[in-house]
């Protein structure tokens, strides 16, 4: 019961991450392929978590590997270029939350992997 609720919460978090990344993609830079791939991964992860698909833990692992690197590089650049402004700090806080969602999803997929079994 608690596992199903946690899966739904993580699915909602991935859906909101996909929406925010898609908005970033549409508003600022439509030519960033890695952000487009993360949007597709988050939509697929959302579906995989809601339906407990057996491929969901693998996709969570791939998205975590890509997303944490993206968040780390993207968090470093604004502070290095702009300094400690309010906008840079808000961006860094959002990217840290994004990385936290990815790591929490990976931990859930690893520790509750029997929920995703095909049998």
N, C-alpha and C. Protein backbone atom coordinates (compact mmCIF):
# COMPACT_ATOMS: atom_id res chain seq x y z
N UNK A 1 0.82 -1.19 0.00
CA UNK A 1 0.00 0.00 0.00
C UNK A 1 0.87 1.26 0.00
N UNK A 2 1.84 1.31 0.90
CA UNK A 2 2.71 2.48 0.95
C UNK A 2 3.59 2.56 -0.28
N UNK A 3 3.98 1.38 -0.81
CA UNK A 3 4.79 1.36 -2.02
C UNK A 3 4.07 1.93 -3.21
N UNK A 4 2.77 1.63 -3.30
CA UNK A 4 1.98 2.16 -4.42
C UNK A 4 1.84 3.68 -4.32
N UNK A 5 1.65 4.19 -3.12
CA UNK A 5 1.55 5.64 -2.93
C UNK A 5 2.88 6.32 -3.26
N UNK A 6 3.97 5.70 -2.84
CA UNK A 6 5.29 6.28 -3.15
C UNK A 6 5.53 6.28 -4.65
N UNK A 7 5.11 5.21 -5.33
CA UNK A 7 5.25 5.16 -6.79
C UNK A 7 4.45 6.27 -7.45
N UNK A 8 3.25 6.53 -6.95
CA UNK A 8 2.42 7.59 -7.52
C UNK A 8 3.04 8.97 -7.28
N UNK A 9 3.59 9.17 -6.10
CA UNK A 9 4.24 10.45 -5.80
C UNK A 9 5.45 10.66 -6.70
N UNK A 10 6.24 9.61 -6.89
CA UNK A 10 7.40 9.72 -7.77
C UNK A 10 6.98 9.92 -9.22
N UNK A 11 5.88 9.28 -9.63
CA UNK A 11 5.37 9.48 -10.99
C UNK A 11 4.93 10.92 -11.20
N UNK A 12 4.27 11.50 -10.21
CA UNK A 12 3.87 12.91 -10.31
C UNK A 12 5.10 13.81 -10.35
N UNK A 13 6.11 13.48 -9.57
CA UNK A 13 7.35 14.27 -9.59
C UNK A 13 8.02 14.21 -10.96
N UNK A 14 8.02 13.03 -11.58
CA UNK A 14 8.62 12.91 -12.91
C UNK A 14 7.77 13.62 -13.97
N UNK A 15 6.46 13.60 -13.81
CA UNK A 15 5.60 14.33 -14.75
C UNK A 15 5.84 15.83 -14.64
N UNK A 16 5.98 16.33 -13.42
CA UNK A 16 6.25 17.76 -13.26
C UNK A 16 7.65 18.12 -13.75
N UNK A 17 8.61 17.22 -13.57
CA UNK A 17 9.96 17.46 -14.11
C UNK A 17 9.92 17.51 -15.63
N UNK A 18 9.13 16.63 -16.24
CA UNK A 18 9.00 16.65 -17.70
C UNK A 18 8.36 17.94 -18.18
N UNK A 19 7.36 18.42 -17.47
CA UNK A 19 6.69 19.67 -17.85
C UNK A 19 7.65 20.85 -17.72
N UNK A 20 8.39 20.91 -16.62
CA UNK A 20 9.33 22.02 -16.42
C UNK A 20 10.48 21.98 -17.42
N UNK A 21 10.98 20.79 -17.72
CA UNK A 21 12.05 20.69 -18.72
C UNK A 21 11.53 21.03 -20.11
N UNK A 22 10.29 20.64 -20.42
CA UNK A 22 9.70 20.99 -21.72
C UNK A 22 9.48 22.49 -21.83
N UNK A 23 9.07 23.12 -20.73
CA UNK A 23 8.91 24.57 -20.75
C UNK A 23 10.26 25.27 -20.94
N UNK A 24 11.28 24.76 -20.28
CA UNK A 24 12.63 25.29 -20.46
C UNK A 24 13.08 25.13 -21.90
N UNK A 25 12.79 23.98 -22.46
CA UNK A 25 13.16 23.69 -23.84
C UNK A 25 12.44 24.63 -24.80
N UNK A 26 11.16 24.87 -24.57
CA UNK A 26 10.38 25.71 -25.47
C UNK A 26 10.72 27.19 -25.33
N UNK A 27 10.98 27.63 -24.10
CA UNK A 27 11.18 29.06 -23.88
C UNK A 27 12.61 29.52 -24.15
N UNK A 28 13.59 28.70 -23.83
CA UNK A 28 14.95 29.20 -23.90
C UNK A 28 15.77 28.64 -25.04
N UNK A 29 15.80 27.35 -25.19
CA UNK A 29 16.70 26.80 -26.19
C UNK A 29 16.11 25.52 -26.78
N UNK A 30 15.47 25.62 -27.93
CA UNK A 30 14.87 24.41 -28.52
C UNK A 30 15.89 23.48 -29.17
N UNK A 31 17.15 23.82 -29.14
CA UNK A 31 18.17 23.03 -29.83
C UNK A 31 19.02 22.18 -28.89
N UNK A 32 18.59 22.00 -27.68
CA UNK A 32 19.36 21.19 -26.73
C UNK A 32 18.77 19.78 -26.71
N UNK A 33 19.47 18.87 -27.36
CA UNK A 33 18.99 17.50 -27.53
C UNK A 33 18.92 16.75 -26.20
N UNK A 34 19.87 17.00 -25.30
CA UNK A 34 19.88 16.27 -24.04
C UNK A 34 18.67 16.60 -23.18
N UNK A 35 18.21 17.84 -23.23
CA UNK A 35 17.01 18.21 -22.47
C UNK A 35 15.78 17.54 -23.07
N UNK A 36 15.73 17.48 -24.40
CA UNK A 36 14.61 16.79 -25.06
C UNK A 36 14.60 15.30 -24.69
N UNK A 37 15.77 14.69 -24.62
CA UNK A 37 15.84 13.28 -24.22
C UNK A 37 15.38 13.09 -22.78
N UNK A 38 15.74 14.02 -21.91
CA UNK A 38 15.29 13.92 -20.52
C UNK A 38 13.78 14.07 -20.41
N UNK A 39 13.18 14.92 -21.23
CA UNK A 39 11.72 15.06 -21.24
C UNK A 39 11.08 13.73 -21.62
N UNK A 40 11.58 13.11 -22.68
CA UNK A 40 11.04 11.82 -23.12
C UNK A 40 11.24 10.76 -22.03
N UNK A 41 12.40 10.74 -21.41
CA UNK A 41 12.66 9.77 -20.35
C UNK A 41 11.70 9.98 -19.17
N UNK A 42 11.47 11.22 -18.79
CA UNK A 42 10.59 11.48 -17.64
C UNK A 42 9.15 11.09 -17.93
N UNK A 43 8.69 11.32 -19.14
CA UNK A 43 7.33 10.89 -19.50
C UNK A 43 7.24 9.37 -19.45
N UNK A 44 8.25 8.69 -20.00
CA UNK A 44 8.25 7.22 -19.97
C UNK A 44 8.37 6.69 -18.54
N UNK A 45 9.18 7.33 -17.72
CA UNK A 45 9.32 6.90 -16.32
C UNK A 45 8.01 7.09 -15.58
N UNK A 46 7.33 8.19 -15.84
CA UNK A 46 6.03 8.43 -15.21
C UNK A 46 5.07 7.29 -15.53
N UNK A 47 4.99 6.90 -16.79
CA UNK A 47 4.13 5.79 -17.18
C UNK A 47 4.61 4.48 -16.55
N UNK A 48 5.91 4.24 -16.59
CA UNK A 48 6.46 3.01 -16.04
C UNK A 48 6.25 2.88 -14.54
N UNK A 49 6.30 3.99 -13.82
CA UNK A 49 6.04 3.94 -12.39
C UNK A 49 4.57 3.74 -12.09
N UNK A 50 3.70 4.38 -12.84
CA UNK A 50 2.27 4.23 -12.60
C UNK A 50 1.79 2.81 -12.88
N UNK A 51 2.30 2.19 -13.92
CA UNK A 51 1.87 0.84 -14.31
C UNK A 51 2.81 -0.26 -13.83
N UNK A 52 3.84 0.08 -13.08
CA UNK A 52 4.83 -0.87 -12.56
C UNK A 52 5.39 -1.76 -13.67
N UNK A 53 5.88 -1.13 -14.72
CA UNK A 53 6.45 -1.85 -15.86
C UNK A 53 7.83 -2.41 -15.49
N UNK A 54 8.18 -3.59 -16.03
CA UNK A 54 9.47 -4.19 -15.67
C UNK A 54 10.68 -3.42 -16.21
N UNK A 55 10.51 -2.57 -17.20
CA UNK A 55 11.62 -1.80 -17.75
C UNK A 55 11.83 -0.48 -17.01
N UNK A 56 10.93 -0.12 -16.12
CA UNK A 56 11.01 1.18 -15.43
C UNK A 56 12.29 1.36 -14.61
N UNK A 57 12.73 0.37 -13.82
CA UNK A 57 13.98 0.58 -13.07
C UNK A 57 15.19 0.85 -13.96
N UNK A 58 15.24 0.18 -15.11
CA UNK A 58 16.36 0.42 -16.03
C UNK A 58 16.32 1.84 -16.57
N UNK A 59 15.14 2.30 -16.93
CA UNK A 59 15.02 3.65 -17.46
C UNK A 59 15.30 4.70 -16.38
N UNK A 60 14.90 4.41 -15.16
CA UNK A 60 15.22 5.31 -14.05
C UNK A 60 16.74 5.41 -13.87
N UNK A 61 17.44 4.29 -14.01
CA UNK A 61 18.90 4.31 -13.91
C UNK A 61 19.55 5.14 -14.99
N UNK A 62 19.08 5.00 -16.22
CA UNK A 62 19.64 5.78 -17.33
C UNK A 62 19.34 7.27 -17.14
N UNK A 63 18.10 7.59 -16.77
CA UNK A 63 17.73 8.99 -16.57
C UNK A 63 18.48 9.61 -15.39
N UNK A 64 18.73 8.82 -14.36
CA UNK A 64 19.49 9.34 -13.22
C UNK A 64 20.93 9.64 -13.62
N UNK A 65 21.52 8.75 -14.40
CA UNK A 65 22.89 8.99 -14.86
C UNK A 65 22.97 10.26 -15.70
N UNK A 66 22.01 10.45 -16.60
CA UNK A 66 22.01 11.66 -17.43
C UNK A 66 21.63 12.90 -16.63
N UNK A 67 20.59 12.78 -15.82
CA UNK A 67 20.04 13.94 -15.13
C UNK A 67 20.92 14.51 -14.05
N UNK A 68 21.61 13.64 -13.31
CA UNK A 68 22.48 14.14 -12.24
C UNK A 68 23.68 14.88 -12.84
N UNK A 69 24.22 14.37 -13.92
CA UNK A 69 25.32 15.08 -14.59
C UNK A 69 24.82 16.41 -15.15
N UNK A 70 23.64 16.41 -15.78
CA UNK A 70 23.06 17.64 -16.30
C UNK A 70 22.82 18.65 -15.18
N UNK A 71 22.27 18.20 -14.06
CA UNK A 71 22.00 19.10 -12.95
C UNK A 71 23.28 19.64 -12.33
N UNK A 72 24.31 18.80 -12.22
CA UNK A 72 25.57 19.25 -11.62
C UNK A 72 26.25 20.29 -12.49
N UNK A 73 26.31 20.05 -13.79
CA UNK A 73 26.94 21.02 -14.69
C UNK A 73 26.11 22.29 -14.75
N UNK A 74 24.79 22.14 -14.83
CA UNK A 74 23.92 23.31 -14.91
C UNK A 74 23.90 24.10 -13.61
N UNK A 75 24.16 23.47 -12.49
CA UNK A 75 24.20 24.19 -11.22
C UNK A 75 25.51 24.95 -11.06
N UNK A 76 26.58 24.44 -11.65
CA UNK A 76 27.88 25.09 -11.52
C UNK A 76 27.97 26.34 -12.39
N UNK A 77 27.44 26.28 -13.58
CA UNK A 77 27.62 27.35 -14.57
C UNK A 77 27.04 28.69 -14.12
N UNK A 78 25.79 28.78 -13.62
CA UNK A 78 25.27 30.11 -13.25
C UNK A 78 26.07 30.79 -12.16
N UNK A 79 26.54 30.04 -11.19
CA UNK A 79 27.31 30.66 -10.11
C UNK A 79 28.68 31.08 -10.62
N UNK A 80 29.27 30.29 -11.51
CA UNK A 80 30.58 30.64 -12.05
C UNK A 80 30.50 31.87 -12.95
N UNK A 81 29.42 32.00 -13.70
CA UNK A 81 29.30 33.11 -14.64
C UNK A 81 28.64 34.34 -14.05
N UNK A 82 27.59 34.15 -13.26
CA UNK A 82 26.79 35.28 -12.77
C UNK A 82 27.15 35.66 -11.34
N UNK A 83 27.49 34.69 -10.53
CA UNK A 83 27.75 34.95 -9.13
C UNK A 83 26.57 34.53 -8.28
N UNK A 84 26.57 34.94 -7.05
CA UNK A 84 25.52 34.54 -6.11
C UNK A 84 24.36 35.52 -6.15
N UNK A 85 23.63 35.53 -7.24
CA UNK A 85 22.42 36.34 -7.34
C UNK A 85 21.22 35.50 -6.93
N UNK A 86 20.09 36.14 -6.75
CA UNK A 86 18.88 35.43 -6.36
C UNK A 86 18.46 34.43 -7.43
N UNK A 87 18.55 34.84 -8.70
CA UNK A 87 18.16 33.95 -9.79
C UNK A 87 19.05 32.72 -9.85
N UNK A 88 20.35 32.91 -9.67
CA UNK A 88 21.27 31.78 -9.69
C UNK A 88 21.01 30.84 -8.52
N UNK A 89 20.74 31.39 -7.36
CA UNK A 89 20.46 30.54 -6.20
C UNK A 89 19.16 29.76 -6.36
N UNK A 90 18.13 30.39 -6.94
CA UNK A 90 16.88 29.68 -7.20
C UNK A 90 17.07 28.57 -8.22
N UNK A 91 17.86 28.85 -9.25
CA UNK A 91 18.15 27.83 -10.25
C UNK A 91 18.90 26.66 -9.64
N UNK A 92 19.87 26.95 -8.81
CA UNK A 92 20.64 25.89 -8.15
C UNK A 92 19.73 25.08 -7.22
N UNK A 93 18.84 25.75 -6.49
CA UNK A 93 17.91 25.03 -5.61
C UNK A 93 17.00 24.10 -6.41
N UNK A 94 16.52 24.57 -7.55
CA UNK A 94 15.68 23.73 -8.40
C UNK A 94 16.44 22.55 -8.96
N UNK A 95 17.68 22.77 -9.35
CA UNK A 95 18.48 21.67 -9.90
C UNK A 95 18.86 20.65 -8.83
N UNK A 96 19.08 21.11 -7.61
CA UNK A 96 19.35 20.18 -6.51
C UNK A 96 18.09 19.35 -6.21
N UNK A 97 16.92 19.99 -6.24
CA UNK A 97 15.67 19.25 -6.04
C UNK A 97 15.46 18.24 -7.16
N UNK A 98 15.79 18.63 -8.39
CA UNK A 98 15.68 17.73 -9.54
C UNK A 98 16.58 16.51 -9.37
N UNK A 99 17.81 16.74 -8.96
CA UNK A 99 18.73 15.62 -8.71
C UNK A 99 18.23 14.76 -7.56
N UNK A 100 17.63 15.38 -6.56
CA UNK A 100 17.07 14.62 -5.44
C UNK A 100 15.93 13.71 -5.87
N UNK A 101 15.08 14.21 -6.76
CA UNK A 101 13.99 13.38 -7.29
C UNK A 101 14.56 12.18 -8.04
N UNK A 102 15.58 12.42 -8.84
CA UNK A 102 16.19 11.32 -9.59
C UNK A 102 16.82 10.28 -8.67
N UNK A 103 17.53 10.73 -7.67
CA UNK A 103 18.18 9.80 -6.75
C UNK A 103 17.15 9.05 -5.91
N UNK A 104 16.09 9.74 -5.49
CA UNK A 104 15.02 9.06 -4.74
C UNK A 104 14.33 8.01 -5.61
N UNK A 105 14.12 8.32 -6.87
CA UNK A 105 13.51 7.35 -7.78
C UNK A 105 14.41 6.15 -8.01
N UNK A 106 15.70 6.41 -8.13
CA UNK A 106 16.64 5.30 -8.31
C UNK A 106 16.68 4.41 -7.07
N UNK A 107 16.69 5.03 -5.90
CA UNK A 107 16.68 4.24 -4.66
C UNK A 107 15.39 3.43 -4.55
N UNK A 108 14.27 4.01 -4.90
CA UNK A 108 13.00 3.28 -4.88
C UNK A 108 13.04 2.11 -5.86
N UNK A 109 13.54 2.36 -7.06
CA UNK A 109 13.59 1.30 -8.08
C UNK A 109 14.52 0.17 -7.66
N UNK A 110 15.58 0.48 -6.95
CA UNK A 110 16.52 -0.55 -6.52
C UNK A 110 15.93 -1.35 -5.35
N UNK A 111 15.42 -0.66 -4.35
CA UNK A 111 14.97 -1.35 -3.15
C UNK A 111 13.60 -2.00 -3.30
N UNK A 112 12.79 -1.54 -4.23
CA UNK A 112 11.46 -2.12 -4.44
C UNK A 112 11.36 -2.77 -5.81
N UNK A 113 12.43 -3.34 -6.31
CA UNK A 113 12.45 -3.87 -7.67
C UNK A 113 11.50 -5.04 -7.87
N UNK A 114 11.10 -5.73 -6.82
CA UNK A 114 10.16 -6.85 -6.97
C UNK A 114 8.78 -6.36 -7.40
N UNK A 115 8.45 -5.11 -7.11
CA UNK A 115 7.17 -4.55 -7.57
C UNK A 115 7.13 -4.42 -9.08
N UNK A 116 8.30 -4.35 -9.70
CA UNK A 116 8.38 -4.15 -11.14
C UNK A 116 8.60 -5.46 -11.90
N UNK A 117 8.60 -6.59 -11.20
CA UNK A 117 8.86 -7.86 -11.89
C UNK A 117 7.69 -8.21 -12.80
N UNK A 118 8.00 -8.90 -13.87
CA UNK A 118 6.99 -9.23 -14.88
C UNK A 118 6.04 -10.32 -14.40
N UNK A 119 6.39 -11.05 -13.38
CA UNK A 119 5.58 -12.17 -12.94
C UNK A 119 4.56 -11.87 -11.97
